[in-house]
Amino acid sequence: AEFDATMRARFGGAVLKVLHEDEPRFARWLEDLKASRLRKLSGDFRRDQEGGRGKRVGVATDGVLRTLPHTQLEEVRIGYGTVSADHAAILEEVVASGQLRTLDLARSEVPDVVGQALGRALKDPRCRLEQLNLTGNKVGEAGGRALAEGLAVNKTLTMLNISSNPAARGEVAEELKKYGDRVSFS
């Protein structure tokens, strides 16, 4: 597979098309991303031939998320990535700081601990996040409760999609339903 990062300065965005096996080139791209004025980064990571994510998707997701605090990005959409507990502090930092307005991590294996971190970030008065898409992940009861607690304080988040997560069922779902149209379960 090949990683091709297409910078679209004219539109203020970057699109991740496919994964590249040239790690030095990817590292240079991350450095360019830090130096750029890009506001948007979007793209879905492709699955490998067996239908899985593979090691390269993990490397790419990790690189993008670790670079995020050093960019001017306000909108990040990276579906089908590989988000781990190691990314919780980074995501909490960038959301709490007010840097991001949109964060889409759909189907990216987001664990419960990241849901908890995002819930804490929503409570920060600097947070400007408007949209958070966590569709199809592993956010459980603790993460769902933290997100509900964050929603109780946060007034900027207008859309949280928590569908196809353990938190979208049971007691936690009832708690999240209190926030009406701000929370989507489908």
Protein backbone atom coordinates (compact mmCIF):
# COMPACT_ATOMS: atom_id res chain seq x y z
CA ALA A 1 0.00 0.00 0.00
CA GLU A 2 1.07 3.57 -0.50
CA PHE A 3 0.53 6.59 1.70
CA ASP A 4 -0.26 9.68 -0.31
CA ALA A 5 -0.88 12.86 1.63
CA THR A 6 -2.52 15.41 -0.59
CA MET A 7 -2.23 18.91 0.79
CA ARG A 8 -5.03 21.13 -0.31
CA ALA A 9 -3.87 24.53 0.85
CA ARG A 10 -6.46 26.15 -1.38
CA PHE A 11 -9.21 24.50 0.65
CA GLY A 12 -7.38 24.48 3.99
CA GLY A 13 -7.41 20.71 4.31
CA ALA A 14 -5.35 17.56 3.93
CA VAL A 15 -6.69 14.24 2.77
CA LEU A 16 -5.17 10.91 3.79
CA LYS A 17 -5.68 8.62 0.82
CA VAL A 18 -3.67 5.48 1.41
CA LEU A 19 -0.92 4.22 3.63
CA HIS A 20 2.68 4.57 2.51
CA GLU A 21 5.45 2.17 3.44
CA ASP A 22 8.08 4.89 3.14
CA GLU A 23 8.49 5.87 6.79
CA PRO A 24 10.97 8.72 6.13
CA ARG A 25 8.51 10.26 3.69
CA PHE A 26 5.70 9.93 6.23
CA ALA A 27 7.91 11.52 8.91
CA ARG A 28 8.62 14.45 6.56
CA TRP A 29 4.90 14.79 5.90
CA LEU A 30 4.25 15.01 9.66
CA GLU A 31 6.91 17.74 9.96
CA ASP A 32 5.28 19.59 7.05
CA LEU A 33 1.93 19.25 8.81
CA LYS A 34 3.39 20.93 11.92
CA ALA A 35 4.70 23.84 9.84
CA SER A 36 1.54 24.24 7.77
CA ARG A 37 -1.47 26.46 8.34
CA LEU A 38 -3.88 23.65 7.58
CA ARG A 39 -7.10 23.72 9.55
CA LYS A 40 -8.60 20.39 8.38
CA LEU A 41 -7.30 16.86 8.04
CA SER A 42 -9.58 14.10 6.88
CA GLY A 43 -9.52 10.63 5.47
CA ASP A 44 -10.24 7.03 6.24
CA PHE A 45 -7.42 4.54 6.59
CA ARG A 46 -7.76 1.66 4.21
CA ARG A 47 -7.90 -1.89 5.41
CA ASP A 48 -5.26 -4.42 4.41
CA GLN A 49 -5.92 -7.35 2.07
CA GLU A 50 -7.30 -9.46 4.94
CA GLY A 51 -9.76 -6.71 5.88
CA GLY A 52 -7.84 -5.67 9.00
CA ARG A 53 -6.09 -2.46 9.89
CA GLY A 54 -2.56 -3.77 9.99
CA LYS A 55 0.56 -2.31 11.61
CA ARG A 56 0.87 0.57 9.13
CA VAL A 57 -2.52 2.01 10.12
CA GLY A 58 -1.40 1.97 13.76
CA VAL A 59 1.84 3.76 12.87
CA ALA A 60 -0.01 6.37 10.80
CA THR A 61 -2.73 6.98 13.41
CA ASP A 62 -0.09 7.30 16.12
CA GLY A 63 1.95 9.73 14.03
CA VAL A 64 -1.01 11.96 13.25
CA LEU A 65 -2.30 12.03 16.84
CA ARG A 66 1.13 12.69 18.38
CA THR A 67 1.66 15.55 15.89
CA LEU A 68 -1.78 17.07 16.53
CA PRO A 69 -0.83 19.34 19.49
CA HIS A 70 1.87 20.94 17.32
CA THR A 71 -0.46 21.87 14.45
CA GLN A 72 -3.12 24.48 13.74
CA LEU A 73 -5.70 21.82 12.90
CA GLU A 74 -9.25 22.54 14.06
CA GLU A 75 -11.00 19.66 12.30
CA VAL A 76 -9.67 16.09 12.38
CA ARG A 77 -11.50 13.21 10.73
CA ILE A 78 -9.56 9.94 10.68
CA GLY A 79 -11.94 7.02 10.47
CA TYR A 80 -10.83 3.40 10.66
CA GLY A 81 -7.63 4.35 12.48
CA THR A 82 -6.16 2.65 15.53
CA VAL A 83 -6.59 4.79 18.64
CA SER A 84 -5.18 3.32 21.86
CA ALA A 85 -5.04 4.18 25.55
CA ASP A 86 -1.65 5.76 24.80
CA HIS A 87 -3.49 8.53 22.93
CA ALA A 88 -5.83 9.48 25.81
CA ALA A 89 -3.64 12.27 27.22
CA ILE A 90 -2.94 13.76 23.78
CA LEU A 91 -6.60 13.84 22.83
CA GLU A 92 -7.59 15.24 26.22
CA GLU A 93 -4.99 17.99 25.81
CA VAL A 94 -6.02 19.09 22.31
CA VAL A 95 -9.75 19.00 23.06
CA ALA A 96 -9.41 20.78 26.42
CA SER A 97 -7.13 23.45 24.94
CA GLY A 98 -9.81 24.62 22.52
CA GLN A 99 -7.77 23.71 19.45
CA LEU A 100 -10.33 21.35 17.92
CA ARG A 101 -13.86 22.10 16.79
CA THR A 102 -14.46 18.72 15.14
CA LEU A 103 -13.04 15.31 16.08
CA ASP A 104 -14.16 12.25 14.15
CA LEU A 105 -12.64 8.95 15.26
CA ALA A 106 -15.34 6.67 13.85
CA ARG A 107 -14.49 2.97 13.84
CA SER A 108 -10.99 3.59 15.18
CA GLU A 109 -10.98 1.11 18.08
CA VAL A 110 -11.25 3.97 20.61
CA PRO A 111 -11.01 2.39 24.09
CA ASP A 112 -13.03 3.35 27.15
CA VAL A 113 -10.10 5.24 28.70
CA VAL A 114 -10.08 7.64 25.73
CA GLY A 115 -13.82 8.21 26.24
CA GLN A 116 -13.03 9.10 29.86
CA ALA A 117 -10.29 11.52 28.76
CA LEU A 118 -12.60 13.20 26.25
CA GLY A 119 -15.28 13.55 28.94
CA ARG A 120 -12.79 15.34 31.20
CA ALA A 121 -11.71 17.58 28.31
CA LEU A 122 -15.32 18.64 27.67
CA LYS A 123 -15.43 20.12 31.18
CA ASP A 124 -12.54 22.49 30.50
CA PRO A 125 -13.82 26.05 29.95
CA ARG A 126 -11.40 26.49 27.03
CA CYS A 127 -12.96 23.57 25.12
CA ARG A 128 -14.55 24.66 21.80
CA LEU A 129 -15.38 21.19 20.43
CA GLU A 130 -18.64 21.25 18.47
CA GLN A 131 -18.73 17.74 16.97
CA LEU A 132 -17.42 14.46 18.36
CA ASN A 133 -17.99 11.26 16.40
CA LEU A 134 -17.13 8.07 18.27
CA THR A 135 -19.31 5.73 16.20
CA GLY A 136 -18.33 2.06 16.24
CA ASN A 137 -15.73 2.06 18.99
CA LYS A 138 -15.18 0.50 22.43
CA VAL A 139 -16.33 3.32 24.71
CA GLY A 140 -17.91 1.62 27.72
CA GLU A 141 -19.71 2.54 30.89
CA ALA A 142 -16.95 4.65 32.48
CA GLY A 143 -16.28 6.54 29.23
CA GLY A 144 -20.00 7.07 28.66
CA ARG A 145 -20.46 8.45 32.17
CA ALA A 146 -17.48 10.78 31.72
CA LEU A 147 -18.92 12.03 28.42
CA ALA A 148 -22.31 12.62 30.11
CA GLU A 149 -20.58 14.57 32.91
CA GLY A 150 -18.72 16.60 30.28
CA LEU A 151 -21.95 17.34 28.40
CA ALA A 152 -23.52 18.63 31.62
CA VAL A 153 -20.87 21.38 31.76
CA ASN A 154 -19.99 21.92 28.10
CA LYS A 155 -22.15 24.25 26.01
CA THR A 156 -20.23 24.13 22.71
CA LEU A 157 -20.67 20.44 21.82
CA THR A 158 -23.74 20.17 19.60
CA MET A 159 -23.19 16.62 18.30
CA LEU A 160 -21.87 13.52 20.04
CA ASN A 161 -22.33 10.29 18.10
CA ILE A 162 -21.86 7.35 20.43
CA SER A 163 -23.63 4.70 18.33
CA SER A 164 -22.28 1.14 18.20
CA ASN A 165 -20.38 1.51 21.47
CA PRO A 166 -21.06 -0.37 24.72
CA ALA A 167 -21.97 3.04 26.23
CA ALA A 168 -24.90 3.30 23.80
CA ARG A 169 -26.76 0.62 25.76
CA GLY A 170 -28.16 0.31 29.27
CA GLU A 171 -27.95 2.77 32.13
CA VAL A 172 -25.30 4.97 30.56
CA ALA A 173 -27.38 5.40 27.42
CA GLU A 174 -30.29 6.60 29.55
CA GLU A 175 -27.99 9.14 31.16
CA LEU A 176 -26.77 10.36 27.76
CA LYS A 177 -30.33 10.58 26.40
CA LYS A 178 -30.93 13.48 28.82
CA TYR A 179 -28.98 15.64 26.38
CA GLY A 180 -31.51 15.14 23.60
CA ASP A 181 -30.44 16.06 20.08
CA ARG A 182 -26.86 16.65 21.20
CA VAL A 183 -26.33 12.87 21.43
CA SER A 184 -26.90 10.41 18.60
CA PHE A 185 -27.23 6.66 19.06
CA SER A 186 -27.61 5.78 15.39
